[in-house]
Amino acid sequence: MNKKRFYYQPAGVSGFIDWCWILMCIFLLIILQYEICKFNWLVIILSLIYLLFLLWQILGRQVVINGEEFVIHKLLHRRDVMINVHQLKNVNFTKHVFSFTVSNEKYNLFLSKKSIVLIKKIINE
């Protein structure tokens, strides 16, 4: 079976807190720009850094499915989480959230509908 790659975001409270921090940074940049009232290179440079950080946030979290193995790439972890399909416990699917437990650690992943359908198919095989 070929590799399938999906992008995810953390679901639940941790995802909500994460995106609140991200939105707070952009609002801070907007406030800085309006307070200075003229063209400001510092805000432009900080905005570009923010956009790079935002891309890293979105594209850095991935679930790669290779056969019967799930590999979860997290942002600030050196090692990826490798999970065999048979290790998954308490598997639950909602419209956009895939939640499961492995080794007493609960994972809630916010994914697209297509990703949820494909993951369901892989787990049920």
PDB file of N, CA and C in Angstrom:
ATOM      1  N   MET A   1       0.841  -1.185   0.000  1.00  0.00           N
ATOM      2  CA  MET A   1       0.000   0.000   0.000  1.00  0.00           C
ATOM      3  C   MET A   1       0.880   1.240   0.000  1.00  0.00           C
ATOM      4  N   ASN A   2       0.483   2.235  -0.735  1.00  0.00           N
ATOM      5  CA  ASN A   2       1.294   3.447  -0.815  1.00  0.00           C
ATOM      6  C   ASN A   2       1.059   4.346   0.396  1.00  0.00           C
ATOM      7  N   LYS A   3       1.931   5.319   0.540  1.00  0.00           N
ATOM      8  CA  LYS A   3       1.841   6.257   1.653  1.00  0.00           C
ATOM      9  C   LYS A   3       0.703   7.236   1.429  1.00  0.00           C
ATOM     10  N   LYS A   4      -0.009   7.516   2.484  1.00  0.00           N
ATOM     11  CA  LYS A   4      -1.037   8.548   2.464  1.00  0.00           C
ATOM     12  C   LYS A   4      -0.648   9.576   3.505  1.00  0.00           C
ATOM     13  N   ARG A   5      -0.727  10.835   3.123  1.00  0.00           N
ATOM     14  CA  ARG A   5      -0.333  11.924   4.008  1.00  0.00           C
ATOM     15  C   ARG A   5      -1.522  12.848   4.223  1.00  0.00           C
ATOM     16  N   PHE A   6      -1.802  13.143   5.488  1.00  0.00           N
ATOM     17  CA  PHE A   6      -2.899  14.028   5.851  1.00  0.00           C
ATOM     18  C   PHE A   6      -2.371  15.117   6.778  1.00  0.00           C
ATOM     19  N   TYR A   7      -2.918  16.303   6.641  1.00  0.00           N
ATOM     20  CA  TYR A   7      -2.597  17.388   7.557  1.00  0.00           C
ATOM     21  C   TYR A   7      -3.660  17.424   8.639  1.00  0.00           C
ATOM     22  N   TYR A   8      -3.242  17.645   9.862  1.00  0.00           N
ATOM     23  CA  TYR A   8      -4.190  17.688  10.973  1.00  0.00           C
ATOM     24  C   TYR A   8      -3.904  18.903  11.841  1.00  0.00           C
ATOM     25  N   GLN A   9      -4.857  19.211  12.692  1.00  0.00           N
ATOM     26  CA  GLN A   9      -4.699  20.209  13.738  1.00  0.00           C
ATOM     27  C   GLN A   9      -5.159  19.553  15.036  1.00  0.00           C
ATOM     28  N   PRO A  10      -4.603  19.966  16.158  1.00  0.00           N
ATOM     29  CA  PRO A  10      -5.076  19.390  17.412  1.00  0.00           C
ATOM     30  C   PRO A  10      -6.527  19.801  17.656  1.00  0.00           C
ATOM     31  N   ALA A  11      -7.334  18.866  18.082  1.00  0.00           N
ATOM     32  CA  ALA A  11      -8.742  19.150  18.341  1.00  0.00           C
ATOM     33  C   ALA A  11      -8.937  19.397  19.834  1.00  0.00           C
ATOM     34  N   GLY A  12     -10.021  19.985  20.158  1.00  0.00           N
ATOM     35  CA  GLY A  12     -10.357  20.217  21.559  1.00  0.00           C
ATOM     36  C   GLY A  12      -9.732  21.483  22.099  1.00  0.00           C
ATOM     37  N   VAL A  13      -9.526  21.498  23.397  1.00  0.00           N
ATOM     38  CA  VAL A  13      -9.061  22.693  24.093  1.00  0.00           C
ATOM     39  C   VAL A  13      -7.643  23.073  23.664  1.00  0.00           C
ATOM     40  N   SER A  14      -6.776  22.101  23.481  1.00  0.00           N
ATOM     41  CA  SER A  14      -5.389  22.426  23.106  1.00  0.00           C
ATOM     42  C   SER A  14      -5.334  23.091  21.734  1.00  0.00           C
ATOM     43  N   GLY A  15      -6.131  22.635  20.787  1.00  0.00           N
ATOM     44  CA  GLY A  15      -6.179  23.282  19.481  1.00  0.00           C
ATOM     45  C   GLY A  15      -6.752  24.679  19.565  1.00  0.00           C
ATOM     46  N   PHE A  16      -7.775  24.838  20.386  1.00  0.00           N
ATOM     47  CA  PHE A  16      -8.391  26.155  20.568  1.00  0.00           C
ATOM     48  C   PHE A  16      -7.390  27.145  21.159  1.00  0.00           C
ATOM     49  N   ILE A  17      -6.656  26.732  22.175  1.00  0.00           N
ATOM     50  CA  ILE A  17      -5.651  27.597  22.807  1.00  0.00           C
ATOM     51  C   ILE A  17      -4.538  27.926  21.817  1.00  0.00           C
ATOM     52  N   ASP A  18      -4.098  26.953  21.066  1.00  0.00           N
ATOM     53  CA  ASP A  18      -3.042  27.150  20.072  1.00  0.00           C
ATOM     54  C   ASP A  18      -3.440  28.223  19.054  1.00  0.00           C
ATOM     55  N   TRP A  19      -4.631  28.106  18.492  1.00  0.00           N
ATOM     56  CA  TRP A  19      -5.069  29.082  17.486  1.00  0.00           C
ATOM     57  C   TRP A  19      -5.408  30.432  18.085  1.00  0.00           C
ATOM     58  N   CYS A  20      -5.774  30.477  19.365  1.00  0.00           N
ATOM     59  CA  CYS A  20      -5.979  31.781  20.021  1.00  0.00           C
ATOM     60  C   CYS A  20      -4.653  32.544  20.130  1.00  0.00           C
ATOM     61  N   TRP A  21      -3.575  31.840  20.445  1.00  0.00           N
ATOM     62  CA  TRP A  21      -2.261  32.480  20.490  1.00  0.00           C
ATOM     63  C   TRP A  21      -1.855  33.005  19.113  1.00  0.00           C
ATOM     64  N   ILE A  22      -2.138  32.209  18.094  1.00  0.00           N
ATOM     65  CA  ILE A  22      -1.785  32.629  16.732  1.00  0.00           C
ATOM     66  C   ILE A  22      -2.567  33.871  16.328  1.00  0.00           C
ATOM     67  N   LEU A  23      -3.857  33.893  16.620  1.00  0.00           N
ATOM     68  CA  LEU A  23      -4.674  35.070  16.301  1.00  0.00           C
ATOM     69  C   LEU A  23      -4.253  36.280  17.117  1.00  0.00           C
ATOM     70  N   MET A  24      -3.852  36.053  18.363  1.00  0.00           N
ATOM     71  CA  MET A  24      -3.407  37.159  19.203  1.00  0.00           C
ATOM     72  C   MET A  24      -2.165  37.833  18.598  1.00  0.00           C
ATOM     73  N   CYS A  25      -1.271  37.050  18.018  1.00  0.00           N
ATOM     74  CA  CYS A  25      -0.062  37.615  17.392  1.00  0.00           C
ATOM     75  C   CYS A  25      -0.412  38.492  16.196  1.00  0.00           C
ATOM     76  N   ILE A  26      -1.332  38.056  15.350  1.00  0.00           N
ATOM     77  CA  ILE A  26      -1.680  38.876  14.190  1.00  0.00           C
ATOM     78  C   ILE A  26      -2.409  40.140  14.631  1.00  0.00           C
ATOM     79  N   PHE A  27      -3.247  40.047  15.659  1.00  0.00           N
ATOM     80  CA  PHE A  27      -3.912  41.248  16.154  1.00  0.00           C
ATOM     81  C   PHE A  27      -2.907  42.222  16.746  1.00  0.00           C
ATOM     82  N   LEU A  28      -1.872  41.718  17.398  1.00  0.00           N
ATOM     83  CA  LEU A  28      -0.817  42.578  17.925  1.00  0.00           C
ATOM     84  C   LEU A  28      -0.096  43.308  16.788  1.00  0.00           C
ATOM     85  N   LEU A  29       0.172  42.589  15.687  1.00  0.00           N
ATOM     86  CA  LEU A  29       0.817  43.234  14.539  1.00  0.00           C
ATOM     87  C   LEU A  29      -0.079  44.301  13.925  1.00  0.00           C
ATOM     88  N   ILE A  30      -1.358  44.055  13.847  1.00  0.00           N
ATOM     89  CA  ILE A  30      -2.287  45.049  13.303  1.00  0.00           C
ATOM     90  C   ILE A  30      -2.343  46.274  14.208  1.00  0.00           C
ATOM     91  N   ILE A  31      -2.373  46.062  15.511  1.00  0.00           N
ATOM     92  CA  ILE A  31      -2.387  47.191  16.449  1.00  0.00           C
ATOM     93  C   ILE A  31      -1.103  47.998  16.333  1.00  0.00           C
ATOM     94  N   LEU A  32       0.037  47.314  16.223  1.00  0.00           N
ATOM     95  CA  LEU A  32       1.312  48.028  16.055  1.00  0.00           C
ATOM     96  C   LEU A  32       1.309  48.892  14.803  1.00  0.00           C
ATOM     97  N   GLN A  33       0.792  48.366  13.714  1.00  0.00           N
ATOM     98  CA  GLN A  33       0.778  49.128  12.470  1.00  0.00           C
ATOM     99  C   GLN A  33      -0.111  50.360  12.596  1.00  0.00           C
ATOM    100  N   TYR A  34      -1.259  50.227  13.224  1.00  0.00           N
ATOM    101  CA  TYR A  34      -2.162  51.370  13.349  1.00  0.00           C
ATOM    102  C   TYR A  34      -1.677  52.387  14.368  1.00  0.00           C
ATOM    103  N   GLU A  35      -0.943  51.979  15.365  1.00  0.00           N
ATOM    104  CA  GLU A  35      -0.422  52.915  16.354  1.00  0.00           C
ATOM    105  C   GLU A  35       0.694  53.787  15.779  1.00  0.00           C
ATOM    106  N   ILE A  36       1.461  53.265  14.883  1.00  0.00           N
ATOM    107  CA  ILE A  36       2.586  54.017  14.328  1.00  0.00           C
ATOM    108  C   ILE A  36       2.103  55.007  13.273  1.00  0.00           C
ATOM    109  N   CYS A  37       1.036  54.697  12.568  1.00  0.00           N
ATOM    110  CA  CYS A  37       0.356  55.598  11.618  1.00  0.00           C
ATOM    111  C   CYS A  37       1.143  55.919  10.353  1.00  0.00           C
ATOM    112  N   LYS A  38       2.236  55.309  10.111  1.00  0.00           N
ATOM    113  CA  LYS A  38       2.930  55.455   8.842  1.00  0.00           C
ATOM    114  C   LYS A  38       3.581  54.127   8.486  1.00  0.00           C
ATOM    115  N   PHE A  39       4.106  54.047   7.301  1.00  0.00           N
ATOM    116  CA  PHE A  39       4.698  52.799   6.833  1.00  0.00           C
ATOM    117  C   PHE A  39       5.832  52.383   7.749  1.00  0.00           C
ATOM    118  N   ASN A  40       5.782  51.154   8.200  1.00  0.00           N
ATOM    119  CA  ASN A  40       6.739  50.688   9.181  1.00  0.00           C
ATOM    120  C   ASN A  40       7.349  49.368   8.712  1.00  0.00           C
ATOM    121  N   TRP A  41       8.674  49.368   8.513  1.00  0.00           N
ATOM    122  CA  TRP A  41       9.356  48.168   8.045  1.00  0.00           C
ATOM    123  C   TRP A  41       9.371  47.080   9.101  1.00  0.00           C
ATOM    124  N   LEU A  42       9.425  47.449  10.348  1.00  0.00           N
ATOM    125  CA  LEU A  42       9.460  46.458  11.419  1.00  0.00           C
ATOM    126  C   LEU A  42       8.190  45.600  11.403  1.00  0.00           C
ATOM    127  N   VAL A  43       7.054  46.233  11.229  1.00  0.00           N
ATOM    128  CA  VAL A  43       5.793  45.488  11.201  1.00  0.00           C
ATOM    129  C   VAL A  43       5.723  44.596   9.964  1.00  0.00           C
ATOM    130  N   ILE A  44       6.245  45.080   8.832  1.00  0.00           N
ATOM    131  CA  ILE A  44       6.262  44.258   7.618  1.00  0.00           C
ATOM    132  C   ILE A  44       7.136  43.018   7.822  1.00  0.00           C
ATOM    133  N   ILE A  45       8.295  43.192   8.406  1.00  0.00           N
ATOM    134  CA  ILE A  45       9.199  42.060   8.656  1.00  0.00           C
ATOM    135  C   ILE A  45       8.576  41.088   9.654  1.00  0.00           C
ATOM    136  N   LEU A  46       7.974  41.619  10.722  1.00  0.00           N
ATOM    137  CA  LEU A  46       7.307  40.751  11.699  1.00  0.00           C
ATOM    138  C   LEU A  46       6.114  40.029  11.075  1.00  0.00           C
ATOM    139  N   SER A  47       5.424  40.675  10.143  1.00  0.00           N
ATOM    140  CA  SER A  47       4.301  40.030   9.462  1.00  0.00           C
ATOM    141  C   SER A  47       4.785  38.879   8.583  1.00  0.00           C
ATOM    142  N   LEU A  48       5.915  39.066   7.920  1.00  0.00           N
ATOM    143  CA  LEU A  48       6.473  37.972   7.114  1.00  0.00           C
ATOM    144  C   LEU A  48       6.911  36.798   7.991  1.00  0.00           C
ATOM    145  N   ILE A  49       7.500  37.102   9.133  1.00  0.00           N
ATOM    146  CA  ILE A  49       7.875  36.050  10.076  1.00  0.00           C
ATOM    147  C   ILE A  49       6.626  35.340  10.576  1.00  0.00           C
ATOM    148  N   TYR A  50       5.568  36.106  10.835  1.00  0.00           N
ATOM    149  CA  TYR A  50       4.301  35.520  11.272  1.00  0.00           C
ATOM    150  C   TYR A  50       3.737  34.591  10.199  1.00  0.00           C
ATOM    151  N   LEU A  51       3.782  34.988   8.941  1.00  0.00           N
ATOM    152  CA  LEU A  51       3.268  34.144   7.866  1.00  0.00           C
ATOM    153  C   LEU A  51       4.062  32.840   7.742  1.00  0.00           C
ATOM    154  N   LEU A  52       5.380  32.928   7.905  1.00  0.00           N
ATOM    155  CA  LEU A  52       6.191  31.706   7.902  1.00  0.00           C
ATOM    156  C   LEU A  52       5.829  30.796   9.075  1.00  0.00           C
ATOM    157  N   PHE A  53       5.618  31.401  10.230  1.00  0.00           N
ATOM    158  CA  PHE A  53       5.212  30.640  11.408  1.00  0.00           C
ATOM    159  C   PHE A  53       3.840  29.992  11.191  1.00  0.00           C
ATOM    160  N   LEU A  54       2.932  30.727  10.556  1.00  0.00           N
ATOM    161  CA  LEU A  54       1.603  30.198  10.275  1.00  0.00           C
ATOM    162  C   LEU A  54       1.671  29.011   9.313  1.00  0.00           C
ATOM    163  N   LEU A  55       2.488  29.112   8.275  1.00  0.00           N
ATOM    164  CA  LEU A  55       2.676  27.985   7.357  1.00  0.00           C
ATOM    165  C   LEU A  55       3.264  26.777   8.078  1.00  0.00           C
ATOM    166  N   TRP A  56       4.211  27.025   8.956  1.00  0.00           N
ATOM    167  CA  TRP A  56       4.803  25.947   9.740  1.00  0.00           C
ATOM    168  C   TRP A  56       3.747  25.280  10.617  1.00  0.00           C
ATOM    169  N   GLN A  57       2.859  26.077  11.211  1.00  0.00           N
ATOM    170  CA  GLN A  57       1.785  25.536  12.049  1.00  0.00           C
ATOM    171  C   GLN A  57       0.841  24.645  11.240  1.00  0.00           C
ATOM    172  N   ILE A  58       0.506  25.074  10.042  1.00  0.00           N
ATOM    173  CA  ILE A  58      -0.466  24.341   9.234  1.00  0.00           C
ATOM    174  C   ILE A  58       0.157  23.112   8.579  1.00  0.00           C
ATOM    175  N   LEU A  59       1.325  23.271   7.980  1.00  0.00           N
ATOM    176  CA  LEU A  59       1.932  22.185   7.218  1.00  0.00           C
ATOM    177  C   LEU A  59       2.830  21.264   8.045  1.00  0.00           C
ATOM    178  N   GLY A  60       3.161  21.659   9.243  1.00  0.00           N
ATOM    179  CA  GLY A  60       4.075  20.878  10.072  1.00  0.00           C
ATOM    180  C   GLY A  60       3.435  19.692  10.758  1.00  0.00           C
ATOM    181  N   ARG A  61       2.146  19.749  10.963  1.00  0.00           N
ATOM    182  CA  ARG A  61       1.449  18.643  11.619  1.00  0.00           C
ATOM    183  C   ARG A  61       0.885  17.716  10.557  1.00  0.00           C
ATOM    184  N   GLN A  62       1.390  16.499  10.540  1.00  0.00           N
ATOM    185  CA  GLN A  62       0.974  15.546   9.508  1.00  0.00           C
ATOM    186  C   GLN A  62       0.779  14.165  10.119  1.00  0.00           C
ATOM    187  N   VAL A  63      -0.154  13.444   9.518  1.00  0.00           N
ATOM    188  CA  VAL A  63      -0.328  12.025   9.811  1.00  0.00           C
ATOM    189  C   VAL A  63       0.020  11.296   8.528  1.00  0.00           C
ATOM    190  N   VAL A  64       0.999  10.405   8.592  1.00  0.00           N
ATOM    191  CA  VAL A  64       1.393   9.612   7.437  1.00  0.00           C
ATOM    192  C   VAL A  64       0.993   8.173   7.718  1.00  0.00           C
ATOM    193  N   ILE A  65       0.242   7.591   6.790  1.00  0.00           N
ATOM    194  CA  ILE A  65      -0.196   6.203   6.936  1.00  0.00           C
ATOM    195  C   ILE A  65       0.552   5.374   5.911  1.00  0.00           C
ATOM    196  N   ASN A  66       1.329   4.436   6.405  1.00  0.00           N
ATOM    197  CA  ASN A  66       2.112   3.553   5.546  1.00  0.00           C
ATOM    198  C   ASN A  66       1.737   2.117   5.898  1.00  0.00           C
ATOM    199  N   GLY A  67       0.857   1.549   5.103  1.00  0.00           N
ATOM    200  CA  GLY A  67       0.383   0.196   5.407  1.00  0.00           C
ATOM    201  C   GLY A  67      -0.485   0.199   6.640  1.00  0.00           C
ATOM    202  N   GLU A  68      -0.049  -0.483   7.689  1.00  0.00           N
ATOM    203  CA  GLU A  68      -0.789  -0.525   8.948  1.00  0.00           C
ATOM    204  C   GLU A  68      -0.125   0.311  10.028  1.00  0.00           C
ATOM    205  N   GLU A  69       0.694   1.244   9.647  1.00  0.00           N
ATOM    206  CA  GLU A  69       1.412   2.060  10.610  1.00  0.00           C
ATOM    207  C   GLU A  69       1.038   3.528  10.441  1.00  0.00           C
ATOM    208  N   PHE A  70       0.685   4.157  11.550  1.00  0.00           N
ATOM    209  CA  PHE A  70       0.427   5.583  11.593  1.00  0.00           C
ATOM    210  C   PHE A  70       1.678   6.277  12.118  1.00  0.00           C
ATOM    211  N   VAL A  71       2.092   7.327  11.455  1.00  0.00           N
ATOM    212  CA  VAL A  71       3.202   8.144  11.935  1.00  0.00           C
ATOM    213  C   VAL A  71       2.659   9.556  12.104  1.00  0.00           C
ATOM    214  N   ILE A  72       2.698  10.048  13.334  1.00  0.00           N
ATOM    215  CA  ILE A  72       2.182  11.382  13.636  1.00  0.00           C
ATOM    216  C   ILE A  72       3.364  12.316  13.823  1.00  0.00           C
ATOM    217  N   HIS A  73       3.470  13.310  12.940  1.00  0.00           N
ATOM    218  CA  HIS A  73       4.514  14.333  13.035  1.00  0.00           C
ATOM    219  C   HIS A  73       3.971  15.490  13.862  1.00  0.00           C
ATOM    220  N   LYS A  74       4.664  15.804  14.939  1.00  0.00           N
ATOM    221  CA  LYS A  74       4.279  16.939  15.769  1.00  0.00           C
ATOM    222  C   LYS A  74       5.270  18.068  15.537  1.00  0.00           C
ATOM    223  N   LEU A  75       4.914  19.268  15.955  1.00  0.00           N
ATOM    224  CA  LEU A  75       5.742  20.423  15.635  1.00  0.00           C
ATOM    225  C   LEU A  75       7.063  20.469  16.398  1.00  0.00           C
ATOM    226  N   LEU A  76       7.022  20.403  17.680  1.00  0.00           N
ATOM    227  CA  LEU A  76       8.230  20.639  18.475  1.00  0.00           C
ATOM    228  C   LEU A  76       8.846  19.362  19.040  1.00  0.00           C
ATOM    229  N   HIS A  77       8.437  18.220  18.554  1.00  0.00           N
ATOM    230  CA  HIS A  77       8.995  16.961  19.025  1.00  0.00           C
ATOM    231  C   HIS A  77      10.044  16.460  18.038  1.00  0.00           C
ATOM    232  N   ARG A  78      11.145  15.967  18.577  1.00  0.00           N
ATOM    233  CA  ARG A  78      12.194  15.438  17.705  1.00  0.00           C
ATOM    234  C   ARG A  78      11.780  14.120  17.082  1.00  0.00           C
ATOM    235  N   ARG A  79      11.135  13.299  17.857  1.00  0.00           N
ATOM    236  CA  ARG A  79      10.758  11.978  17.369  1.00  0.00           C
ATOM    237  C   ARG A  79       9.274  11.961  17.024  1.00  0.00           C
ATOM    238  N   ASP A  80       8.984  11.301  15.939  1.00  0.00           N
ATOM    239  CA  ASP A  80       7.601  11.152  15.529  1.00  0.00           C
ATOM    240  C   ASP A  80       6.954  10.026  16.330  1.00  0.00           C
ATOM    241  N   VAL A  81       5.651  10.090  16.466  1.00  0.00           N
ATOM    242  CA  VAL A  81       4.902   9.054  17.156  1.00  0.00           C
ATOM    243  C   VAL A  81       4.528   7.992  16.130  1.00  0.00           C
ATOM    244  N   MET A  82       5.014   6.775  16.323  1.00  0.00           N
ATOM    245  CA  MET A  82       4.715   5.670  15.413  1.00  0.00           C
ATOM    246  C   MET A  82       3.752   4.722  16.114  1.00  0.00           C
ATOM    247  N   ILE A  83       2.627   4.482  15.458  1.00  0.00           N
ATOM    248  CA  ILE A  83       1.564   3.681  16.050  1.00  0.00           C
ATOM    249  C   ILE A  83       1.124   2.627  15.047  1.00  0.00           C
ATOM    250  N   ASN A  84       1.021   1.399  15.497  1.00  0.00           N
ATOM    251  CA  ASN A  84       0.471   0.336  14.677  1.00  0.00           C
ATOM    252  C   ASN A  84      -1.056   0.379  14.811  1.00  0.00           C
ATOM    253  N   VAL A  85      -1.761   0.046  13.754  1.00  0.00           N
ATOM    254  CA  VAL A  85      -3.224   0.094  13.757  1.00  0.00           C
ATOM    255  C   VAL A  85      -3.796  -0.795  14.863  1.00  0.00           C
ATOM    256  N   HIS A  86      -3.133  -1.897  15.171  1.00  0.00           N
ATOM    257  CA  HIS A  86      -3.634  -2.825  16.180  1.00  0.00           C
ATOM    258  C   HIS A  86      -3.475  -2.279  17.602  1.00  0.00           C
ATOM    259  N   GLN A  87      -2.671  -1.237  17.786  1.00  0.00           N
ATOM    260  CA  GLN A  87      -2.491  -0.635  19.102  1.00  0.00           C
ATOM    261  C   GLN A  87      -3.580   0.384  19.438  1.00  0.00           C
ATOM    262  N   LEU A  88      -4.355   0.797  18.445  1.00  0.00           N
ATOM    263  CA  LEU A  88      -5.380   1.814  18.665  1.00  0.00           C
ATOM    264  C   LEU A  88      -6.500   1.267  19.541  1.00  0.00           C
ATOM    265  N   LYS A  89      -6.856   2.037  20.555  1.00  0.00           N
ATOM    266  CA  LYS A  89      -7.966   1.678  21.436  1.00  0.00           C
ATOM    267  C   LYS A  89      -8.896   2.882  21.529  1.00  0.00           C
ATOM    268  N   ASN A  90     -10.138   2.618  21.869  1.00  0.00           N
ATOM    269  CA  ASN A  90     -11.156   3.667  22.010  1.00  0.00           C
ATOM    270  C   ASN A  90     -11.213   4.569  20.779  1.00  0.00           C
ATOM    271  N   VAL A  91     -11.238   3.970  19.616  1.00  0.00           N
ATOM    272  CA  VAL A  91     -11.269   4.726  18.364  1.00  0.00           C
ATOM    273  C   VAL A  91     -12.654   5.337  18.189  1.00  0.00           C
ATOM    274  N   ASN A  92     -12.682   6.628  17.901  1.00  0.00           N
ATOM    275  CA  ASN A  92     -13.942   7.328  17.725  1.00  0.00           C
ATOM    276  C   ASN A  92     -13.806   8.307  16.562  1.00  0.00           C
ATOM    277  N   PHE A  93     -14.801   8.325  15.704  1.00  0.00           N
ATOM    278  CA  PHE A  93     -14.828   9.248  14.577  1.00  0.00           C
ATOM    279  C   PHE A  93     -16.045  10.156  14.710  1.00  0.00           C
ATOM    280  N   THR A  94     -15.849  11.425  14.504  1.00  0.00           N
ATOM    281  CA  THR A  94     -16.962  12.353  14.333  1.00  0.00           C
ATOM    282  C   THR A  94     -16.814  12.951  12.946  1.00  0.00           C
ATOM    283  N   LYS A  95     -17.522  14.018  12.687  1.00  0.00           N
ATOM    284  CA  LYS A  95     -17.494  14.603  11.344  1.00  0.00           C
ATOM    285  C   LYS A  95     -16.076  14.995  10.918  1.00  0.00           C
ATOM    286  N   HIS A  96     -15.323  15.605  11.809  1.00  0.00           N
ATOM    287  CA  HIS A  96     -13.968  16.054  11.480  1.00  0.00           C
ATOM    288  C   HIS A  96     -12.901  15.597  12.470  1.00  0.00           C
ATOM    289  N   VAL A  97     -13.269  14.906  13.524  1.00  0.00           N
ATOM    290  CA  VAL A  97     -12.306  14.560  14.574  1.00  0.00           C
ATOM    291  C   VAL A  97     -12.106  13.052  14.631  1.00  0.00           C
ATOM    292  N   PHE A  98     -10.846  12.666  14.663  1.00  0.00           N
ATOM    293  CA  PHE A  98     -10.435  11.278  14.837  1.00  0.00           C
ATOM    294  C   PHE A  98      -9.765  11.193  16.193  1.00  0.00           C
ATOM    295  N   SER A  99     -10.375  10.475  17.118  1.00  0.00           N
ATOM    296  CA  SER A  99      -9.792  10.366  18.456  1.00  0.00           C
ATOM    297  C   SER A  99      -9.523   8.899  18.772  1.00  0.00           C
ATOM    298  N   PHE A 100      -8.447   8.672  19.481  1.00  0.00           N
ATOM    299  CA  PHE A 100      -8.048   7.321  19.860  1.00  0.00           C
ATOM    300  C   PHE A 100      -7.111   7.395  21.051  1.00  0.00           C
ATOM    301  N   THR A 101      -6.876   6.229  21.651  1.00  0.00           N
ATOM    302  CA  THR A 101      -5.987   6.124  22.801  1.00  0.00           C
ATOM    303  C   THR A 101      -4.908   5.099  22.490  1.00  0.00           C
ATOM    304  N   VAL A 102      -3.677   5.453  22.825  1.00  0.00           N
ATOM    305  CA  VAL A 102      -2.537   4.546  22.693  1.00  0.00           C
ATOM    306  C   VAL A 102      -1.683   4.712  23.937  1.00  0.00           C
ATOM    307  N   SER A 103      -1.421   3.613  24.621  1.00  0.00           N
ATOM    308  CA  SER A 103      -0.574   3.618  25.827  1.00  0.00           C
ATOM    309  C   SER A 103      -1.039   4.672  26.838  1.00  0.00           C
ATOM    310  N   ASN A 104      -2.321   4.713  27.101  1.00  0.00           N
ATOM    311  CA  ASN A 104      -2.923   5.657  28.055  1.00  0.00           C
ATOM    312  C   ASN A 104      -2.725   7.117  27.660  1.00  0.00           C
ATOM    313  N   GLU A 105      -2.452   7.394  26.430  1.00  0.00           N
ATOM    314  CA  GLU A 105      -2.356   8.766  25.938  1.00  0.00           C
ATOM    315  C   GLU A 105      -3.435   8.966  24.888  1.00  0.00           C
ATOM    316  N   LYS A 106      -4.251  10.005  25.098  1.00  0.00           N
ATOM    317  CA  LYS A 106      -5.390  10.250  24.210  1.00  0.00           C
ATOM    318  C   LYS A 106      -4.997  11.256  23.143  1.00  0.00           C
ATOM    319  N   TYR A 107      -5.338  10.941  21.909  1.00  0.00           N
ATOM    320  CA  TYR A 107      -5.076  11.808  20.764  1.00  0.00           C
ATOM    321  C   TYR A 107      -6.405  12.245  20.165  1.00  0.00           C
ATOM    322  N   ASN A 108      -6.535  13.531  19.886  1.00  0.00           N
ATOM    323  CA  ASN A 108      -7.685  14.093  19.182  1.00  0.00           C
ATOM    324  C   ASN A 108      -7.143  14.869  17.991  1.00  0.00           C
ATOM    325  N   LEU A 109      -7.424  14.383  16.805  1.00  0.00           N
ATOM    326  CA  LEU A 109      -6.895  15.005  15.596  1.00  0.00           C
ATOM    327  C   LEU A 109      -8.044  15.568  14.768  1.00  0.00           C
ATOM    328  N   PHE A 110      -7.952  16.829  14.414  1.00  0.00           N
ATOM    329  CA  PHE A 110      -8.945  17.488  13.574  1.00  0.00           C
ATOM    330  C   PHE A 110      -8.475  17.340  12.128  1.00  0.00           C
ATOM    331  N   LEU A 111      -9.271  16.632  11.303  1.00  0.00           N
ATOM    332  CA  LEU A 111      -8.904  16.322   9.926  1.00  0.00           C
ATOM    333  C   LEU A 111     -10.034  16.704   8.986  1.00  0.00           C
ATOM    334  N   SER A 112      -9.759  16.644   7.696  1.00  0.00           N
ATOM    335  CA  SER A 112     -10.804  16.896   6.710  1.00  0.00           C
ATOM    336  C   SER A 112     -11.723  15.680   6.602  1.00  0.00           C
ATOM    337  N   LYS A 113     -12.878  15.864   5.973  1.00  0.00           N
ATOM    338  CA  LYS A 113     -13.834  14.752   5.822  1.00  0.00           C
ATOM    339  C   LYS A 113     -13.236  13.613   5.002  1.00  0.00           C
ATOM    340  N   LYS A 114     -12.523  13.960   3.918  1.00  0.00           N
ATOM    341  CA  LYS A 114     -11.897  12.921   3.083  1.00  0.00           C
ATOM    342  C   LYS A 114     -10.894  12.099   3.891  1.00  0.00           C
ATOM    343  N   SER A 115     -10.130  12.769   4.713  1.00  0.00           N
ATOM    344  CA  SER A 115      -9.140  12.078   5.539  1.00  0.00           C
ATOM    345  C   SER A 115      -9.813  11.129   6.511  1.00  0.00           C
ATOM    346  N   ILE A 116     -10.899  11.580   7.110  1.00  0.00           N
ATOM    347  CA  ILE A 116     -11.631  10.729   8.060  1.00  0.00           C
ATOM    348  C   ILE A 116     -12.143   9.475   7.366  1.00  0.00           C
ATOM    349  N   VAL A 117     -12.704   9.628   6.163  1.00  0.00           N
ATOM    350  CA  VAL A 117     -13.238   8.481   5.421  1.00  0.00           C
ATOM    351  C   VAL A 117     -12.125   7.491   5.098  1.00  0.00           C
ATOM    352  N   LEU A 118     -10.967   7.987   4.635  1.00  0.00           N
ATOM    353  CA  LEU A 118      -9.860   7.094   4.292  1.00  0.00           C
ATOM    354  C   LEU A 118      -9.282   6.391   5.514  1.00  0.00           C
ATOM    355  N   ILE A 119      -9.194   7.099   6.619  1.00  0.00           N
ATOM    356  CA  ILE A 119      -8.663   6.490   7.850  1.00  0.00           C
ATOM    357  C   ILE A 119      -9.626   5.422   8.362  1.00  0.00           C
ATOM    358  N   LYS A 120     -10.929   5.693   8.299  1.00  0.00           N
ATOM    359  CA  LYS A 120     -11.914   4.683   8.682  1.00  0.00           C
ATOM    360  C   LYS A 120     -11.750   3.420   7.861  1.00  0.00           C
ATOM    361  N   LYS A 121     -11.566   3.614   6.551  1.00  0.00           N
ATOM    362  CA  LYS A 121     -11.411   2.475   5.647  1.00  0.00           C
ATOM    363  C   LYS A 121     -10.158   1.681   5.986  1.00  0.00           C
ATOM    364  N   ILE A 122      -9.082   2.347   6.289  1.00  0.00           N
ATOM    365  CA  ILE A 122      -7.825   1.670   6.617  1.00  0.00           C
ATOM    366  C   ILE A 122      -7.949   0.915   7.926  1.00  0.00           C
ATOM    367  N   ILE A 123      -8.596   1.498   8.923  1.00  0.00           N
ATOM    368  CA  ILE A 123      -8.727   0.839  10.225  1.00  0.00           C
ATOM    369  C   ILE A 123      -9.660  -0.360  10.135  1.00  0.00           C
ATOM    370  N   ASN A 124     -10.714  -0.246   9.361  1.00  0.00           N
ATOM    371  CA  ASN A 124     -11.682  -1.339   9.263  1.00  0.00           C
ATOM    372  C   ASN A 124     -11.198  -2.515   8.430  1.00  0.00           C
ATOM    373  N   GLU A 125     -10.124  -2.356   7.671  1.00  0.00           N
ATOM    374  CA  GLU A 125      -9.607  -3.461   6.833  1.00  0.00           C
ATOM    375  C   GLU A 125      -8.902  -4.495   7.662  1.00  0.00           C
TER     376      GLU A 125
END
